[in-house]
């Protein structure tokens, strides 16, 4: 399975934010469950305001148990 263009673009944005020191880890609330989530966000500015773009949340448990590796 190939990675779609929008996912590649988001990953490149995440890499640029990391290289520029513009990443943040925020504690947010899961909209479906109400549980706390630790969300990786890119940080931008709009004038005096900060903008946070969420990219994903950190795994709560062992991530090796949550994901299967890609098949050859």
N, C-alpha and C. Protein backbone atom coordinates (compact mmCIF):
# COMPACT_ATOMS: atom_id res chain seq x y z
N UNK A 1 0.85 -1.17 0.00
CA UNK A 1 0.00 0.00 0.00
C UNK A 1 0.90 1.24 0.00
N UNK A 2 0.60 2.18 -0.87
CA UNK A 2 1.41 3.40 -0.92
C UNK A 2 0.82 4.45 0.02
N UNK A 3 1.65 5.37 0.41
CA UNK A 3 1.23 6.44 1.31
C UNK A 3 0.62 7.55 0.47
N UNK A 4 -0.61 8.00 0.82
CA UNK A 4 -1.27 9.02 0.01
C UNK A 4 -0.55 10.38 0.11
N UNK A 5 -0.74 11.21 -0.92
CA UNK A 5 -0.07 12.51 -1.00
C UNK A 5 -0.35 13.39 0.21
N UNK A 6 -1.59 13.40 0.71
CA UNK A 6 -1.91 14.28 1.84
C UNK A 6 -1.13 13.86 3.09
N UNK A 7 -0.91 12.56 3.28
CA UNK A 7 -0.14 12.09 4.42
C UNK A 7 1.33 12.47 4.26
N UNK A 8 1.85 12.37 3.05
CA UNK A 8 3.24 12.79 2.80
C UNK A 8 3.41 14.29 3.06
N UNK A 9 2.45 15.08 2.61
CA UNK A 9 2.52 16.54 2.82
C UNK A 9 2.47 16.87 4.31
N UNK A 10 1.59 16.21 5.05
CA UNK A 10 1.51 16.45 6.49
C UNK A 10 2.81 16.05 7.19
N UNK A 11 3.41 14.96 6.75
CA UNK A 11 4.67 14.52 7.34
C UNK A 11 5.77 15.53 7.08
N UNK A 12 5.82 16.08 5.87
CA UNK A 12 6.82 17.10 5.55
C UNK A 12 6.61 18.35 6.41
N UNK A 13 5.37 18.73 6.63
CA UNK A 13 5.07 19.86 7.51
C UNK A 13 5.55 19.58 8.92
N UNK A 14 5.33 18.37 9.39
CA UNK A 14 5.79 17.97 10.73
C UNK A 14 7.31 18.03 10.82
N UNK A 15 8.01 17.55 9.79
CA UNK A 15 9.47 17.61 9.78
C UNK A 15 9.98 19.04 9.80
N UNK A 16 9.35 19.93 9.02
CA UNK A 16 9.77 21.34 9.01
C UNK A 16 9.55 21.98 10.38
N UNK A 17 8.42 21.69 11.00
CA UNK A 17 8.13 22.24 12.33
C UNK A 17 9.16 21.75 13.34
N UNK A 18 9.53 20.48 13.25
CA UNK A 18 10.54 19.94 14.17
C UNK A 18 11.89 20.60 13.93
N UNK A 19 12.28 20.77 12.68
CA UNK A 19 13.58 21.38 12.36
C UNK A 19 13.64 22.83 12.83
N UNK A 20 12.49 23.52 12.82
CA UNK A 20 12.43 24.93 13.23
C UNK A 20 12.19 25.10 14.72
N UNK A 21 12.03 23.99 15.45
CA UNK A 21 11.74 24.08 16.87
C UNK A 21 10.31 24.52 17.16
N UNK A 22 9.41 24.24 16.23
CA UNK A 22 8.02 24.66 16.36
C UNK A 22 7.07 23.50 16.59
N UNK A 23 7.42 22.62 17.53
CA UNK A 23 6.54 21.53 17.93
C UNK A 23 6.16 21.73 19.39
N UNK A 24 4.97 21.27 19.74
CA UNK A 24 4.52 21.31 21.12
C UNK A 24 3.81 20.01 21.45
N UNK A 25 3.86 19.65 22.71
CA UNK A 25 3.10 18.51 23.21
C UNK A 25 2.03 19.07 24.13
N UNK A 26 0.78 18.93 23.73
CA UNK A 26 -0.35 19.47 24.49
C UNK A 26 -1.17 18.36 25.10
N UNK A 27 -1.75 18.62 26.26
CA UNK A 27 -2.73 17.71 26.84
C UNK A 27 -4.09 18.16 26.35
N UNK A 28 -4.76 17.31 25.59
CA UNK A 28 -6.08 17.60 25.04
C UNK A 28 -7.06 16.54 25.54
N UNK A 29 -8.33 16.73 25.24
CA UNK A 29 -9.36 15.77 25.61
C UNK A 29 -9.88 15.07 24.37
N UNK A 30 -9.91 13.74 24.38
CA UNK A 30 -10.45 12.97 23.27
C UNK A 30 -11.92 13.31 23.11
N UNK A 31 -12.31 13.74 21.90
CA UNK A 31 -13.68 14.17 21.66
C UNK A 31 -14.69 13.04 21.81
N UNK A 32 -14.27 11.81 21.56
CA UNK A 32 -15.20 10.67 21.63
C UNK A 32 -15.32 10.08 23.03
N UNK A 33 -14.19 10.03 23.75
CA UNK A 33 -14.20 9.32 25.04
C UNK A 33 -14.04 10.23 26.25
N UNK A 34 -13.54 11.45 26.04
CA UNK A 34 -13.28 12.35 27.16
C UNK A 34 -11.96 12.06 27.86
N UNK A 35 -11.22 11.08 27.40
CA UNK A 35 -9.94 10.72 28.01
C UNK A 35 -8.87 11.74 27.62
N UNK A 36 -7.89 11.96 28.49
CA UNK A 36 -6.80 12.86 28.11
C UNK A 36 -5.93 12.23 27.02
N UNK A 37 -5.46 13.06 26.12
CA UNK A 37 -4.56 12.63 25.05
C UNK A 37 -3.38 13.60 25.02
N UNK A 38 -2.21 13.05 24.76
CA UNK A 38 -1.00 13.86 24.64
C UNK A 38 -0.73 14.03 23.16
N UNK A 39 -1.00 15.23 22.66
CA UNK A 39 -1.09 15.50 21.23
C UNK A 39 0.14 16.27 20.74
N UNK A 40 0.77 15.74 19.69
CA UNK A 40 1.90 16.41 19.04
C UNK A 40 1.32 17.44 18.06
N UNK A 41 1.74 18.70 18.24
CA UNK A 41 1.21 19.79 17.41
C UNK A 41 2.35 20.62 16.82
N UNK A 42 2.13 21.10 15.60
CA UNK A 42 3.00 22.13 15.03
C UNK A 42 2.49 23.47 15.55
N UNK A 43 3.42 24.38 15.82
CA UNK A 43 3.07 25.69 16.35
C UNK A 43 3.32 26.74 15.28
N UNK A 44 2.30 27.54 15.03
CA UNK A 44 2.42 28.66 14.10
C UNK A 44 1.96 29.93 14.79
N UNK A 45 2.03 31.03 14.08
CA UNK A 45 1.60 32.32 14.61
C UNK A 45 0.64 32.98 13.63
N UNK A 46 -0.32 33.70 14.20
CA UNK A 46 -1.22 34.56 13.44
C UNK A 46 -1.23 35.88 14.18
N UNK A 47 -0.32 36.77 13.80
CA UNK A 47 -0.15 38.00 14.55
C UNK A 47 0.40 37.68 15.93
N UNK A 48 -0.33 38.06 16.96
CA UNK A 48 0.07 37.79 18.35
C UNK A 48 -0.40 36.43 18.84
N UNK A 49 -1.28 35.78 18.09
CA UNK A 49 -1.87 34.50 18.52
C UNK A 49 -1.04 33.31 18.07
N UNK A 50 -0.99 32.29 18.90
CA UNK A 50 -0.38 31.02 18.54
C UNK A 50 -1.43 30.13 17.89
N UNK A 51 -1.04 29.37 16.88
CA UNK A 51 -1.91 28.39 16.24
C UNK A 51 -1.29 27.01 16.44
N UNK A 52 -2.08 26.06 16.88
CA UNK A 52 -1.60 24.70 17.10
C UNK A 52 -2.30 23.77 16.12
N UNK A 53 -1.52 23.08 15.31
CA UNK A 53 -2.06 22.13 14.34
C UNK A 53 -1.74 20.72 14.84
N UNK A 54 -2.78 19.97 15.23
CA UNK A 54 -2.52 18.61 15.75
C UNK A 54 -2.14 17.64 14.64
N UNK A 55 -1.17 16.78 14.95
CA UNK A 55 -0.74 15.76 13.99
C UNK A 55 -1.05 14.35 14.47
N UNK A 56 -1.15 14.16 15.73
CA UNK A 56 -1.46 12.84 16.27
C UNK A 56 -1.19 12.81 17.75
N UNK A 57 -1.60 11.73 18.40
CA UNK A 57 -1.36 11.62 19.83
C UNK A 57 -0.41 10.47 20.13
N UNK A 58 0.25 10.58 21.25
CA UNK A 58 1.19 9.55 21.66
C UNK A 58 0.43 8.31 22.11
N UNK A 59 1.00 7.16 21.86
CA UNK A 59 0.37 5.89 22.24
C UNK A 59 0.29 5.80 23.76
N UNK A 60 -0.85 5.35 24.26
CA UNK A 60 -1.04 5.22 25.70
C UNK A 60 -0.36 3.98 26.26
N UNK A 61 -0.29 2.96 25.46
CA UNK A 61 0.31 1.72 25.92
C UNK A 61 1.49 1.39 25.02
N UNK A 62 1.88 0.16 25.00
CA UNK A 62 3.01 -0.28 24.19
C UNK A 62 2.66 -0.14 22.70
N UNK A 63 3.31 0.79 21.98
CA UNK A 63 2.97 0.97 20.57
C UNK A 63 3.31 -0.24 19.72
N UNK A 64 4.23 -1.07 20.18
CA UNK A 64 4.56 -2.29 19.43
C UNK A 64 3.40 -3.27 19.43
N UNK A 65 2.52 -3.15 20.41
CA UNK A 65 1.34 -4.02 20.47
C UNK A 65 0.15 -3.40 19.73
N UNK A 66 0.21 -2.11 19.46
CA UNK A 66 -0.92 -1.42 18.84
C UNK A 66 -0.88 -1.45 17.31
N UNK A 67 0.30 -1.69 16.72
CA UNK A 67 0.45 -1.61 15.27
C UNK A 67 1.11 -2.85 14.70
N UNK A 68 0.73 -3.16 13.48
CA UNK A 68 1.35 -4.23 12.72
C UNK A 68 2.29 -3.58 11.72
N UNK A 69 3.49 -4.13 11.51
CA UNK A 69 4.39 -3.55 10.51
C UNK A 69 3.83 -3.76 9.10
N UNK A 70 4.27 -2.91 8.15
CA UNK A 70 3.80 -3.10 6.78
C UNK A 70 4.23 -4.45 6.23
N UNK A 71 3.40 -4.98 5.38
CA UNK A 71 3.73 -6.27 4.75
C UNK A 71 4.61 -6.01 3.53
N UNK A 72 5.54 -6.91 3.27
CA UNK A 72 6.45 -6.74 2.12
C UNK A 72 5.71 -6.79 0.79
